[in-house]
PDB file of N, CA and C in Angstrom:
ATOM      1  N   UNK A   1      78.404  46.138 152.691  1.00  0.00           N
ATOM      2  CA  UNK A   1      79.082  47.370 152.346  1.00  0.00           C
ATOM      3  C   UNK A   1      80.558  47.277 152.725  1.00  0.00           C
ATOM      4  N   UNK A   2      81.427  47.543 151.770  1.00  0.00           N
ATOM      5  CA  UNK A   2      82.867  47.388 151.967  1.00  0.00           C
ATOM      6  C   UNK A   2      83.605  48.702 152.179  1.00  0.00           C
ATOM      7  N   UNK A   3      82.947  49.837 151.907  1.00  0.00           N
ATOM      8  CA  UNK A   3      83.603  51.135 151.952  1.00  0.00           C
ATOM      9  C   UNK A   3      84.274  51.380 153.300  1.00  0.00           C
ATOM     10  N   UNK A   4      85.543  51.817 153.240  1.00  0.00           N
ATOM     11  CA  UNK A   4      86.301  52.139 154.440  1.00  0.00           C
ATOM     12  C   UNK A   4      87.012  50.961 155.079  1.00  0.00           C
ATOM     13  N   UNK A   5      86.795  49.766 154.573  1.00  0.00           N
ATOM     14  CA  UNK A   5      87.422  48.577 155.152  1.00  0.00           C
ATOM     15  C   UNK A   5      88.746  48.272 154.464  1.00  0.00           C
ATOM     16  N   UNK A   6      89.655  47.651 155.224  1.00  0.00           N
ATOM     17  CA  UNK A   6      90.959  47.261 154.688  1.00  0.00           C
ATOM     18  C   UNK A   6      91.030  45.743 154.589  1.00  0.00           C
ATOM     19  N   UNK A   7      91.724  45.276 153.540  1.00  0.00           N
ATOM     20  CA  UNK A   7      91.851  43.845 153.282  1.00  0.00           C
ATOM     21  C   UNK A   7      93.290  43.492 152.958  1.00  0.00           C
ATOM     22  N   UNK A   8      93.709  42.311 153.386  1.00  0.00           N
ATOM     23  CA  UNK A   8      94.979  41.718 152.972  1.00  0.00           C
ATOM     24  C   UNK A   8      94.630  40.673 151.920  1.00  0.00           C
ATOM     25  N   UNK A   9      95.245  40.793 150.753  1.00  0.00           N
ATOM     26  CA  UNK A   9      94.950  39.860 149.672  1.00  0.00           C
ATOM     27  C   UNK A   9      95.718  38.555 149.867  1.00  0.00           C
ATOM     28  N   UNK A  10      95.019  37.441 149.745  1.00  0.00           N
ATOM     29  CA  UNK A  10      95.630  36.122 149.890  1.00  0.00           C
ATOM     30  C   UNK A  10      96.118  35.559 148.557  1.00  0.00           C
ATOM     31  N   UNK A  11      95.689  36.184 147.470  1.00  0.00           N
ATOM     32  CA  UNK A  11      96.108  35.791 146.119  1.00  0.00           C
ATOM     33  C   UNK A  11      96.326  37.064 145.318  1.00  0.00           C
ATOM     34  N   UNK A  12      97.195  36.976 144.316  1.00  0.00           N
ATOM     35  CA  UNK A  12      97.355  38.146 143.457  1.00  0.00           C
ATOM     36  C   UNK A  12      96.026  38.423 142.762  1.00  0.00           C
ATOM     37  N   UNK A  13      95.787  39.699 142.478  1.00  0.00           N
ATOM     38  CA  UNK A  13      94.483  40.120 141.994  1.00  0.00           C
ATOM     39  C   UNK A  13      94.635  41.160 140.900  1.00  0.00           C
ATOM     40  N   UNK A  14      93.846  41.021 139.859  1.00  0.00           N
ATOM     41  CA  UNK A  14      93.859  41.967 138.754  1.00  0.00           C
ATOM     42  C   UNK A  14      93.099  43.228 139.147  1.00  0.00           C
ATOM     43  N   UNK A  15      93.663  44.378 138.772  1.00  0.00           N
ATOM     44  CA  UNK A  15      93.033  45.675 139.010  1.00  0.00           C
ATOM     45  C   UNK A  15      93.202  46.526 137.763  1.00  0.00           C
ATOM     46  N   UNK A  16      92.493  47.640 137.721  1.00  0.00           N
ATOM     47  CA  UNK A  16      92.602  48.576 136.608  1.00  0.00           C
ATOM     48  C   UNK A  16      92.974  49.944 137.174  1.00  0.00           C
ATOM     49  N   UNK A  17      93.969  50.572 136.556  1.00  0.00           N
ATOM     50  CA  UNK A  17      94.374  51.926 136.915  1.00  0.00           C
ATOM     51  C   UNK A  17      94.106  52.823 135.708  1.00  0.00           C
ATOM     52  N   UNK A  18      93.483  53.959 135.954  1.00  0.00           N
ATOM     53  CA  UNK A  18      93.202  54.898 134.868  1.00  0.00           C
ATOM     54  C   UNK A  18      94.159  56.079 135.001  1.00  0.00           C
ATOM     55  N   UNK A  19      95.013  56.247 133.990  1.00  0.00           N
ATOM     56  CA  UNK A  19      95.962  57.353 133.955  1.00  0.00           C
ATOM     57  C   UNK A  19      95.777  58.118 132.656  1.00  0.00           C
ATOM     58  N   UNK A  20      95.479  59.410 132.757  1.00  0.00           N
ATOM     59  CA  UNK A  20      95.271  60.250 131.576  1.00  0.00           C
ATOM     60  C   UNK A  20      94.243  59.646 130.618  1.00  0.00           C
ATOM     61  N   UNK A  21      93.193  59.052 131.176  1.00  0.00           N
ATOM     62  CA  UNK A  21      92.124  58.483 130.371  1.00  0.00           C
ATOM     63  C   UNK A  21      92.414  57.117 129.794  1.00  0.00           C
ATOM     64  N   UNK A  22      93.589  56.567 130.069  1.00  0.00           N
ATOM     65  CA  UNK A  22      93.967  55.249 129.561  1.00  0.00           C
ATOM     66  C   UNK A  22      93.861  54.234 130.691  1.00  0.00           C
ATOM     67  N   UNK A  23      93.149  53.136 130.427  1.00  0.00           N
ATOM     68  CA  UNK A  23      92.976  52.076 131.418  1.00  0.00           C
ATOM     69  C   UNK A  23      94.112  51.060 131.283  1.00  0.00           C
ATOM     70  N   UNK A  24      94.810  50.838 132.389  1.00  0.00           N
ATOM     71  CA  UNK A  24      95.938  49.901 132.412  1.00  0.00           C
ATOM     72  C   UNK A  24      95.669  48.785 133.404  1.00  0.00           C
ATOM     73  N   UNK A  25      95.934  47.543 132.990  1.00  0.00           N
ATOM     74  CA  UNK A  25      95.792  46.394 133.885  1.00  0.00           C
ATOM     75  C   UNK A  25      96.994  46.348 134.828  1.00  0.00           C
ATOM     76  N   UNK A  26      96.723  46.142 136.096  1.00  0.00           N
ATOM     77  CA  UNK A  26      97.733  46.081 137.142  1.00  0.00           C
ATOM     78  C   UNK A  26      97.490  44.803 137.934  1.00  0.00           C
ATOM     79  N   UNK A  27      98.541  44.123 138.338  1.00  0.00           N
ATOM     80  CA  UNK A  27      98.395  42.973 139.233  1.00  0.00           C
ATOM     81  C   UNK A  27      98.822  43.393 140.631  1.00  0.00           C
ATOM     82  N   UNK A  28      97.901  43.277 141.571  1.00  0.00           N
ATOM     83  CA  UNK A  28      98.217  43.536 142.975  1.00  0.00           C
ATOM     84  C   UNK A  28      98.719  42.216 143.548  1.00  0.00           C
ATOM     85  N   UNK A  29      99.911  42.197 144.157  1.00  0.00           N
ATOM     86  CA  UNK A  29     100.474  40.923 144.621  1.00  0.00           C
ATOM     87  C   UNK A  29      99.792  40.365 145.867  1.00  0.00           C
ATOM     88  N   UNK A  30      99.944  39.080 146.057  1.00  0.00           N
ATOM     89  CA  UNK A  30      99.479  38.422 147.262  1.00  0.00           C
ATOM     90  C   UNK A  30     100.167  39.066 148.467  1.00  0.00           C
ATOM     91  N   UNK A  31      99.413  39.266 149.539  1.00  0.00           N
ATOM     92  CA  UNK A  31      99.961  39.876 150.749  1.00  0.00           C
ATOM     93  C   UNK A  31      99.782  41.383 150.810  1.00  0.00           C
ATOM     94  N   UNK A  32      99.385  41.993 149.699  1.00  0.00           N
ATOM     95  CA  UNK A  32      99.195  43.446 149.664  1.00  0.00           C
ATOM     96  C   UNK A  32      97.992  43.847 150.513  1.00  0.00           C
ATOM     97  N   UNK A  33      98.060  45.042 151.065  1.00  0.00           N
ATOM     98  CA  UNK A  33      96.957  45.609 151.831  1.00  0.00           C
ATOM     99  C   UNK A  33      96.265  46.648 150.956  1.00  0.00           C
ATOM    100  N   UNK A  34      94.944  46.523 150.834  1.00  0.00           N
ATOM    101  CA  UNK A  34      94.163  47.498 150.083  1.00  0.00           C
ATOM    102  C   UNK A  34      93.086  48.078 150.991  1.00  0.00           C
ATOM    103  N   UNK A  35      92.656  49.292 150.689  1.00  0.00           N
ATOM    104  CA  UNK A  35      91.551  49.914 151.406  1.00  0.00           C
ATOM    105  C   UNK A  35      90.471  50.254 150.397  1.00  0.00           C
ATOM    106  N   UNK A  36      89.250  49.852 150.689  1.00  0.00           N
ATOM    107  CA  UNK A  36      88.131  50.153 149.797  1.00  0.00           C
ATOM    108  C   UNK A  36      87.717  51.605 150.024  1.00  0.00           C
ATOM    109  N   UNK A  37      87.834  52.410 148.956  1.00  0.00           N
ATOM    110  CA  UNK A  37      87.486  53.824 149.034  1.00  0.00           C
ATOM    111  C   UNK A  37      86.000  54.042 148.827  1.00  0.00           C
ATOM    112  N   UNK A  38      85.456  53.374 147.819  1.00  0.00           N
ATOM    113  CA  UNK A  38      84.018  53.491 147.574  1.00  0.00           C
ATOM    114  C   UNK A  38      83.583  52.380 146.641  1.00  0.00           C
ATOM    115  N   UNK A  39      82.326  52.023 146.789  1.00  0.00           N
ATOM    116  CA  UNK A  39      81.735  51.055 145.883  1.00  0.00           C
ATOM    117  C   UNK A  39      81.238  51.814 144.661  1.00  0.00           C
ATOM    118  N   UNK A  40      81.513  51.308 143.494  1.00  0.00           N
ATOM    119  CA  UNK A  40      81.163  51.990 142.251  1.00  0.00           C
ATOM    120  C   UNK A  40      79.675  51.870 141.963  1.00  0.00           C
ATOM    121  N   UNK A  41      79.214  52.636 141.013  1.00  0.00           N
ATOM    122  CA  UNK A  41      77.786  52.682 140.693  1.00  0.00           C
ATOM    123  C   UNK A  41      77.400  51.719 139.592  1.00  0.00           C
ATOM    124  N   UNK A  42      78.156  50.644 139.404  1.00  0.00           N
ATOM    125  CA  UNK A  42      77.867  49.679 138.347  1.00  0.00           C
ATOM    126  C   UNK A  42      77.200  48.422 138.908  1.00  0.00           C
ATOM    127  N   UNK A  43      76.335  48.609 139.882  1.00  0.00           N
ATOM    128  CA  UNK A  43      75.682  47.464 140.498  1.00  0.00           C
ATOM    129  C   UNK A  43      76.595  46.754 141.474  1.00  0.00           C
ATOM    130  N   UNK A  44      77.576  47.458 141.998  1.00  0.00           N
ATOM    131  CA  UNK A  44      78.554  46.935 142.954  1.00  0.00           C
ATOM    132  C   UNK A  44      79.393  45.801 142.389  1.00  0.00           C
ATOM    133  N   UNK A  45      79.641  45.807 141.089  1.00  0.00           N
ATOM    134  CA  UNK A  45      80.532  44.802 140.507  1.00  0.00           C
ATOM    135  C   UNK A  45      81.992  45.154 140.747  1.00  0.00           C
ATOM    136  N   UNK A  46      82.287  46.436 140.908  1.00  0.00           N
ATOM    137  CA  UNK A  46      83.662  46.861 141.183  1.00  0.00           C
ATOM    138  C   UNK A  46      83.681  47.835 142.349  1.00  0.00           C
ATOM    139  N   UNK A  47      84.856  47.965 142.944  1.00  0.00           N
ATOM    140  CA  UNK A  47      85.089  48.939 144.010  1.00  0.00           C
ATOM    141  C   UNK A  47      86.363  49.699 143.687  1.00  0.00           C
ATOM    142  N   UNK A  48      86.417  50.947 144.137  1.00  0.00           N
ATOM    143  CA  UNK A  48      87.641  51.730 144.053  1.00  0.00           C
ATOM    144  C   UNK A  48      88.448  51.434 145.297  1.00  0.00           C
ATOM    145  N   UNK A  49      89.731  51.113 145.117  1.00  0.00           N
ATOM    146  CA  UNK A  49      90.588  50.791 146.250  1.00  0.00           C
ATOM    147  C   UNK A  49      91.851  51.636 146.206  1.00  0.00           C
ATOM    148  N   UNK A  50      92.476  51.749 147.355  1.00  0.00           N
ATOM    149  CA  UNK A  50      93.765  52.400 147.472  1.00  0.00           C
ATOM    150  C   UNK A  50      94.784  51.327 147.813  1.00  0.00           C
ATOM    151  N   UNK A  51      95.823  51.237 147.000  1.00  0.00           N
ATOM    152  CA  UNK A  51      96.929  50.316 147.244  1.00  0.00           C
ATOM    153  C   UNK A  51      98.182  51.175 147.269  1.00  0.00           C
ATOM    154  N   UNK A  52      98.735  51.370 148.452  1.00  0.00           N
ATOM    155  CA  UNK A  52      99.826  52.330 148.587  1.00  0.00           C
ATOM    156  C   UNK A  52      99.285  53.706 148.240  1.00  0.00           C
ATOM    157  N   UNK A  53      99.870  54.339 147.238  1.00  0.00           N
ATOM    158  CA  UNK A  53      99.385  55.651 146.798  1.00  0.00           C
ATOM    159  C   UNK A  53      98.592  55.559 145.499  1.00  0.00           C
ATOM    160  N   UNK A  54      98.316  54.333 145.049  1.00  0.00           N
ATOM    161  CA  UNK A  54      97.638  54.130 143.766  1.00  0.00           C
ATOM    162  C   UNK A  54      96.149  53.883 143.971  1.00  0.00           C
ATOM    163  N   UNK A  55      95.346  54.620 143.201  1.00  0.00           N
ATOM    164  CA  UNK A  55      93.902  54.432 143.203  1.00  0.00           C
ATOM    165  C   UNK A  55      93.557  53.492 142.057  1.00  0.00           C
ATOM    166  N   UNK A  56      92.910  52.369 142.382  1.00  0.00           N
ATOM    167  CA  UNK A  56      92.636  51.319 141.415  1.00  0.00           C
ATOM    168  C   UNK A  56      91.173  50.891 141.496  1.00  0.00           C
ATOM    169  N   UNK A  57      90.742  50.167 140.482  1.00  0.00           N
ATOM    170  CA  UNK A  57      89.402  49.592 140.465  1.00  0.00           C
ATOM    171  C   UNK A  57      89.566  48.064 140.446  1.00  0.00           C
ATOM    172  N   UNK A  58      88.825  47.384 141.330  1.00  0.00           N
ATOM    173  CA  UNK A  58      88.938  45.929 141.487  1.00  0.00           C
ATOM    174  C   UNK A  58      87.526  45.346 141.509  1.00  0.00           C
ATOM    175  N   UNK A  59      87.369  44.151 140.958  1.00  0.00           N
ATOM    176  CA  UNK A  59      86.078  43.478 141.047  1.00  0.00           C
ATOM    177  C   UNK A  59      85.761  43.175 142.512  1.00  0.00           C
ATOM    178  N   UNK A  60      84.532  43.470 142.900  1.00  0.00           N
ATOM    179  CA  UNK A  60      84.082  43.241 144.272  1.00  0.00           C
ATOM    180  C   UNK A  60      84.252  41.780 144.674  1.00  0.00           C
ATOM    181  N   UNK A  61      83.927  40.859 143.768  1.00  0.00           N
ATOM    182  CA  UNK A  61      84.041  39.431 144.086  1.00  0.00           C
ATOM    183  C   UNK A  61      85.486  39.047 144.398  1.00  0.00           C
ATOM    184  N   UNK A  62      86.463  39.694 143.745  1.00  0.00           N
ATOM    185  CA  UNK A  62      87.872  39.392 144.025  1.00  0.00           C
ATOM    186  C   UNK A  62      88.279  39.858 145.411  1.00  0.00           C
ATOM    187  N   UNK A  63      87.763  41.003 145.830  1.00  0.00           N
ATOM    188  CA  UNK A  63      88.060  41.481 147.187  1.00  0.00           C
ATOM    189  C   UNK A  63      87.488  40.498 148.198  1.00  0.00           C
ATOM    190  N   UNK A  64      86.265  40.065 147.983  1.00  0.00           N
ATOM    191  CA  UNK A  64      85.604  39.160 148.932  1.00  0.00           C
ATOM    192  C   UNK A  64      86.230  37.763 148.937  1.00  0.00           C
ATOM    193  N   UNK A  65      86.560  37.222 147.755  1.00  0.00           N
ATOM    194  CA  UNK A  65      87.071  35.854 147.672  1.00  0.00           C
ATOM    195  C   UNK A  65      88.572  35.760 147.954  1.00  0.00           C
ATOM    196  N   UNK A  66      89.333  36.780 147.597  1.00  0.00           N
ATOM    197  CA  UNK A  66      90.791  36.719 147.721  1.00  0.00           C
ATOM    198  C   UNK A  66      91.336  37.544 148.869  1.00  0.00           C
ATOM    199  N   UNK A  67      90.447  38.285 149.541  1.00  0.00           N
ATOM    200  CA  UNK A  67      90.892  39.161 150.598  1.00  0.00           C
ATOM    201  C   UNK A  67      90.427  38.708 151.971  1.00  0.00           C
ATOM    202  N   UNK A  68      91.188  39.103 152.953  1.00  0.00           N
ATOM    203  CA  UNK A  68      90.857  38.831 154.354  1.00  0.00           C
ATOM    204  C   UNK A  68      90.740  40.201 155.027  1.00  0.00           C
ATOM    205  N   UNK A  69      89.561  40.496 155.581  1.00  0.00           N
ATOM    206  CA  UNK A  69      89.352  41.797 156.210  1.00  0.00           C
ATOM    207  C   UNK A  69      90.273  41.965 157.405  1.00  0.00           C
ATOM    208  N   UNK A  70      90.867  43.135 157.511  1.00  0.00           N
ATOM    209  CA  UNK A  70      91.737  43.460 158.641  1.00  0.00           C
ATOM    210  C   UNK A  70      90.861  44.141 159.691  1.00  0.00           C
ATOM    211  N   UNK A  71      90.813  43.540 160.860  1.00  0.00           N
ATOM    212  CA  UNK A  71      89.954  44.044 161.929  1.00  0.00           C
ATOM    213  C   UNK A  71      90.815  44.720 162.994  1.00  0.00           C
ATOM    214  N   UNK A  72      90.357  45.862 163.475  1.00  0.00           N
ATOM    215  CA  UNK A  72      91.026  46.516 164.602  1.00  0.00           C
ATOM    216  C   UNK A  72      92.236  47.353 164.248  1.00  0.00           C
ATOM    217  N   UNK A  73      92.393  47.750 162.999  1.00  0.00           N
ATOM    218  CA  UNK A  73      93.534  48.604 162.657  1.00  0.00           C
ATOM    219  C   UNK A  73      93.045  49.878 162.055  1.00  0.00           C
TER     220      UNK A  73
END
């Protein structure tokens, strides 16, 4: 379970932002800090994350493979 955990991305990662019903591809840069808000109901293939003030959807495997969990913050 990833909900509530923060990660530092070691590689840039593709995300999706939904604005006014339109899905836009966003690249989160290497070194960015994201927080997992909730795991989605699609069999845990994606998670909702917060990057700065932006709410995005990211593949769970990308968070696990490209991210390093931040402990103690």
